[in-house]
Amino acid sequence: VDPYLAYGDPTNFGRSLSQKHFDIFYYYVQYHLSFFRARYQMLREPSVIAAKGIKNNELDFVFIDANHEYKNVLDDLEAWF
């Protein structure tokens, strides 16, 4: 779960990259995980929104590449718990 969005905040590592860079990252990850296609699903959206579309006990594992600010991490954890 990752929206792969450029936030445009140059004070934080990685956030000064353009949207084009994040689109490239997304396709890079898709390509390298394609071998496991039947075993995973990538959701390109904010994790709090993605969590609303998942039923209880539907997942064995979720990887959230969170926005690393405290409130956002807490929101992600609460949404998926």
N, C-alpha and C. Protein backbone atom coordinates (compact mmCIF):
# COMPACT_ATOMS: atom_id res chain seq x y z
N VAL A 1 0.85 -1.17 0.00
CA VAL A 1 0.00 0.00 0.00
C VAL A 1 0.89 1.22 0.00
N ASP A 2 0.77 2.01 -1.05
CA ASP A 2 1.57 3.22 -1.17
C ASP A 2 0.98 4.05 -2.31
N PRO A 3 0.75 5.34 -2.08
CA PRO A 3 0.21 6.15 -3.17
C PRO A 3 1.26 6.58 -4.18
N TYR A 4 2.53 6.41 -3.84
CA TYR A 4 3.62 6.84 -4.73
C TYR A 4 3.37 8.27 -5.20
N LEU A 5 3.22 9.17 -4.24
CA LEU A 5 2.95 10.57 -4.54
C LEU A 5 4.12 11.45 -4.11
N ALA A 6 4.43 12.42 -4.91
CA ALA A 6 5.44 13.42 -4.56
C ALA A 6 4.77 14.45 -3.65
N TYR A 7 5.34 14.64 -2.48
CA TYR A 7 4.77 15.59 -1.53
C TYR A 7 5.35 16.99 -1.70
N GLY A 8 6.50 17.09 -2.35
CA GLY A 8 7.07 18.39 -2.65
C GLY A 8 7.69 19.11 -1.48
N ASP A 9 8.06 18.41 -0.44
CA ASP A 9 8.69 19.04 0.72
C ASP A 9 10.19 18.76 0.66
N PRO A 10 11.00 19.71 0.20
CA PRO A 10 12.43 19.46 0.03
C PRO A 10 13.20 19.34 1.33
N THR A 11 12.56 19.58 2.47
CA THR A 11 13.27 19.46 3.75
C THR A 11 13.37 18.01 4.21
N ASN A 12 12.61 17.12 3.59
CA ASN A 12 12.64 15.71 3.95
C ASN A 12 13.17 14.89 2.80
N PHE A 13 14.04 13.94 3.10
CA PHE A 13 14.64 13.09 2.07
C PHE A 13 13.56 12.46 1.21
N GLY A 14 13.78 12.51 -0.09
CA GLY A 14 12.88 11.84 -1.02
C GLY A 14 11.66 12.64 -1.41
N ARG A 15 11.31 13.61 -0.63
CA ARG A 15 10.09 14.35 -0.93
C ARG A 15 10.31 15.49 -1.91
N SER A 16 11.54 15.75 -2.25
CA SER A 16 11.80 16.79 -3.23
C SER A 16 11.81 16.23 -4.65
N LEU A 17 11.59 14.92 -4.79
CA LEU A 17 11.55 14.30 -6.10
C LEU A 17 10.23 14.61 -6.79
N SER A 18 10.25 14.60 -8.10
CA SER A 18 9.05 14.91 -8.88
C SER A 18 8.09 13.72 -8.90
N GLN A 19 6.86 13.98 -9.33
CA GLN A 19 5.88 12.91 -9.48
C GLN A 19 6.36 11.88 -10.49
N LYS A 20 7.07 12.33 -11.51
CA LYS A 20 7.61 11.40 -12.51
C LYS A 20 8.51 10.36 -11.85
N HIS A 21 9.34 10.79 -10.90
CA HIS A 21 10.21 9.86 -10.18
C HIS A 21 9.38 8.82 -9.41
N PHE A 22 8.32 9.28 -8.75
CA PHE A 22 7.49 8.34 -7.99
C PHE A 22 6.75 7.38 -8.90
N ASP A 23 6.35 7.84 -10.07
CA ASP A 23 5.73 6.94 -11.05
C ASP A 23 6.72 5.88 -11.50
N ILE A 24 7.96 6.27 -11.72
CA ILE A 24 9.01 5.32 -12.10
C ILE A 24 9.24 4.32 -10.98
N PHE A 25 9.28 4.77 -9.72
CA PHE A 25 9.43 3.85 -8.58
C PHE A 25 8.31 2.82 -8.56
N TYR A 26 7.09 3.30 -8.79
CA TYR A 26 5.93 2.40 -8.79
C TYR A 26 6.08 1.31 -9.85
N TYR A 27 6.41 1.70 -11.07
CA TYR A 27 6.56 0.70 -12.14
C TYR A 27 7.75 -0.21 -11.90
N TYR A 28 8.79 0.30 -11.29
CA TYR A 28 9.96 -0.51 -10.93
C TYR A 28 9.56 -1.61 -9.93
N VAL A 29 8.81 -1.22 -8.92
CA VAL A 29 8.35 -2.20 -7.92
C VAL A 29 7.41 -3.21 -8.56
N GLN A 30 6.48 -2.74 -9.37
CA GLN A 30 5.57 -3.66 -10.07
C GLN A 30 6.35 -4.68 -10.89
N TYR A 31 7.32 -4.22 -11.64
CA TYR A 31 8.11 -5.10 -12.48
C TYR A 31 8.82 -6.16 -11.66
N HIS A 32 9.45 -5.75 -10.57
CA HIS A 32 10.23 -6.70 -9.78
C HIS A 32 9.37 -7.65 -8.95
N LEU A 33 8.14 -7.29 -8.71
CA LEU A 33 7.24 -8.20 -7.99
C LEU A 33 6.37 -9.03 -8.92
N SER A 34 6.46 -8.79 -10.21
CA SER A 34 5.57 -9.46 -11.16
C SER A 34 5.67 -10.99 -11.11
N PHE A 35 6.82 -11.51 -10.73
CA PHE A 35 6.99 -12.96 -10.60
C PHE A 35 6.02 -13.53 -9.57
N PHE A 36 5.66 -12.74 -8.56
CA PHE A 36 4.78 -13.18 -7.48
C PHE A 36 3.34 -12.71 -7.66
N ARG A 37 2.97 -12.37 -8.87
CA ARG A 37 1.68 -11.74 -9.17
C ARG A 37 0.49 -12.41 -8.50
N ALA A 38 0.47 -13.71 -8.44
CA ALA A 38 -0.68 -14.42 -7.87
C ALA A 38 -0.71 -14.35 -6.34
N ARG A 39 0.38 -13.84 -5.75
CA ARG A 39 0.48 -13.86 -4.29
C ARG A 39 0.40 -12.50 -3.63
N TYR A 40 0.20 -11.45 -4.40
CA TYR A 40 0.14 -10.13 -3.81
C TYR A 40 -0.78 -9.22 -4.62
N GLN A 41 -1.12 -8.13 -4.01
CA GLN A 41 -1.86 -7.08 -4.71
C GLN A 41 -1.30 -5.75 -4.26
N MET A 42 -0.90 -4.92 -5.21
CA MET A 42 -0.43 -3.59 -4.88
C MET A 42 -1.61 -2.63 -4.93
N LEU A 43 -1.69 -1.79 -3.92
CA LEU A 43 -2.73 -0.77 -3.87
C LEU A 43 -2.04 0.59 -3.90
N ARG A 44 -2.26 1.32 -4.98
CA ARG A 44 -1.63 2.62 -5.13
C ARG A 44 -2.60 3.70 -4.67
N GLU A 45 -2.71 3.81 -3.37
CA GLU A 45 -3.58 4.80 -2.75
C GLU A 45 -3.14 4.99 -1.31
N PRO A 46 -3.57 6.05 -0.67
CA PRO A 46 -3.22 6.22 0.75
C PRO A 46 -3.73 5.04 1.56
N SER A 47 -2.95 4.62 2.53
CA SER A 47 -3.30 3.39 3.25
C SER A 47 -4.58 3.50 4.05
N VAL A 48 -4.90 4.67 4.58
CA VAL A 48 -6.15 4.82 5.34
C VAL A 48 -7.34 4.58 4.41
N ILE A 49 -7.27 5.03 3.19
CA ILE A 49 -8.34 4.80 2.21
C ILE A 49 -8.37 3.33 1.79
N ALA A 50 -7.20 2.75 1.54
CA ALA A 50 -7.12 1.34 1.14
C ALA A 50 -7.68 0.43 2.21
N ALA A 51 -7.43 0.73 3.46
CA ALA A 51 -7.89 -0.11 4.57
C ALA A 51 -9.41 -0.23 4.59
N LYS A 52 -10.10 0.82 4.16
CA LYS A 52 -11.57 0.79 4.16
C LYS A 52 -12.13 -0.25 3.19
N GLY A 53 -11.35 -0.62 2.17
CA GLY A 53 -11.81 -1.59 1.18
C GLY A 53 -11.44 -3.03 1.50
N ILE A 54 -10.82 -3.26 2.64
CA ILE A 54 -10.37 -4.60 3.02
C ILE A 54 -11.25 -5.12 4.16
N LYS A 55 -11.76 -6.32 4.00
CA LYS A 55 -12.60 -6.92 5.03
C LYS A 55 -11.73 -7.53 6.13
N ASN A 56 -12.30 -7.67 7.32
CA ASN A 56 -11.59 -8.32 8.42
C ASN A 56 -11.17 -9.73 8.02
N ASN A 57 -9.98 -10.11 8.41
CA ASN A 57 -9.41 -11.44 8.17
C ASN A 57 -9.20 -11.74 6.69
N GLU A 58 -9.19 -10.73 5.84
CA GLU A 58 -8.98 -10.94 4.41
C GLU A 58 -7.49 -11.00 4.05
N LEU A 59 -6.64 -10.47 4.91
CA LEU A 59 -5.22 -10.40 4.62
C LEU A 59 -4.40 -11.27 5.56
N ASP A 60 -3.30 -11.78 5.03
CA ASP A 60 -2.32 -12.44 5.88
C ASP A 60 -1.24 -11.46 6.29
N PHE A 61 -1.02 -10.45 5.45
CA PHE A 61 0.09 -9.53 5.67
C PHE A 61 -0.19 -8.25 4.90
N VAL A 62 0.18 -7.12 5.47
CA VAL A 62 0.11 -5.85 4.75
C VAL A 62 1.40 -5.08 5.00
N PHE A 63 1.96 -4.54 3.94
CA PHE A 63 3.14 -3.68 4.04
C PHE A 63 2.69 -2.27 3.72
N ILE A 64 2.86 -1.38 4.67
CA ILE A 64 2.46 0.01 4.49
C ILE A 64 3.73 0.85 4.46
N ASP A 65 3.92 1.54 3.36
CA ASP A 65 5.06 2.46 3.27
C ASP A 65 4.51 3.82 3.65
N ALA A 66 4.50 4.07 4.94
CA ALA A 66 3.79 5.22 5.49
C ALA A 66 4.54 6.53 5.29
N ASN A 67 3.75 7.59 5.30
CA ASN A 67 4.31 8.92 5.48
C ASN A 67 4.88 8.88 6.90
N HIS A 68 6.09 9.28 7.11
CA HIS A 68 6.80 9.00 8.35
C HIS A 68 6.55 10.01 9.47
N GLU A 69 5.57 10.85 9.31
CA GLU A 69 5.22 11.78 10.38
C GLU A 69 4.33 11.05 11.38
N TYR A 70 4.50 11.37 12.66
CA TYR A 70 3.84 10.65 13.74
C TYR A 70 2.34 10.45 13.52
N LYS A 71 1.63 11.54 13.25
CA LYS A 71 0.17 11.44 13.10
C LYS A 71 -0.20 10.51 11.95
N ASN A 72 0.52 10.57 10.85
CA ASN A 72 0.20 9.72 9.70
C ASN A 72 0.46 8.25 9.99
N VAL A 73 1.54 7.96 10.68
CA VAL A 73 1.83 6.58 11.06
C VAL A 73 0.75 6.06 12.00
N LEU A 74 0.37 6.87 12.98
CA LEU A 74 -0.67 6.47 13.92
C LEU A 74 -2.00 6.22 13.19
N ASP A 75 -2.35 7.11 12.25
CA ASP A 75 -3.58 6.92 11.47
C ASP A 75 -3.54 5.62 10.68
N ASP A 76 -2.38 5.32 10.07
CA ASP A 76 -2.23 4.07 9.31
C ASP A 76 -2.40 2.86 10.21
N LEU A 77 -1.73 2.86 11.35
CA LEU A 77 -1.82 1.72 12.27
C LEU A 77 -3.25 1.51 12.76
N GLU A 78 -3.92 2.58 13.10
CA GLU A 78 -5.30 2.47 13.57
C GLU A 78 -6.22 1.95 12.46
N ALA A 79 -6.02 2.43 11.25
CA ALA A 79 -6.88 2.00 10.13
C ALA A 79 -6.72 0.52 9.85
N TRP A 80 -5.50 0.01 9.90
CA TRP A 80 -5.28 -1.39 9.55
C TRP A 80 -5.50 -2.33 10.73
N PHE A 81 -5.40 -1.82 11.96
CA PHE A 81 -5.64 -2.68 13.11
C PHE A 81 -7.11 -3.04 13.17
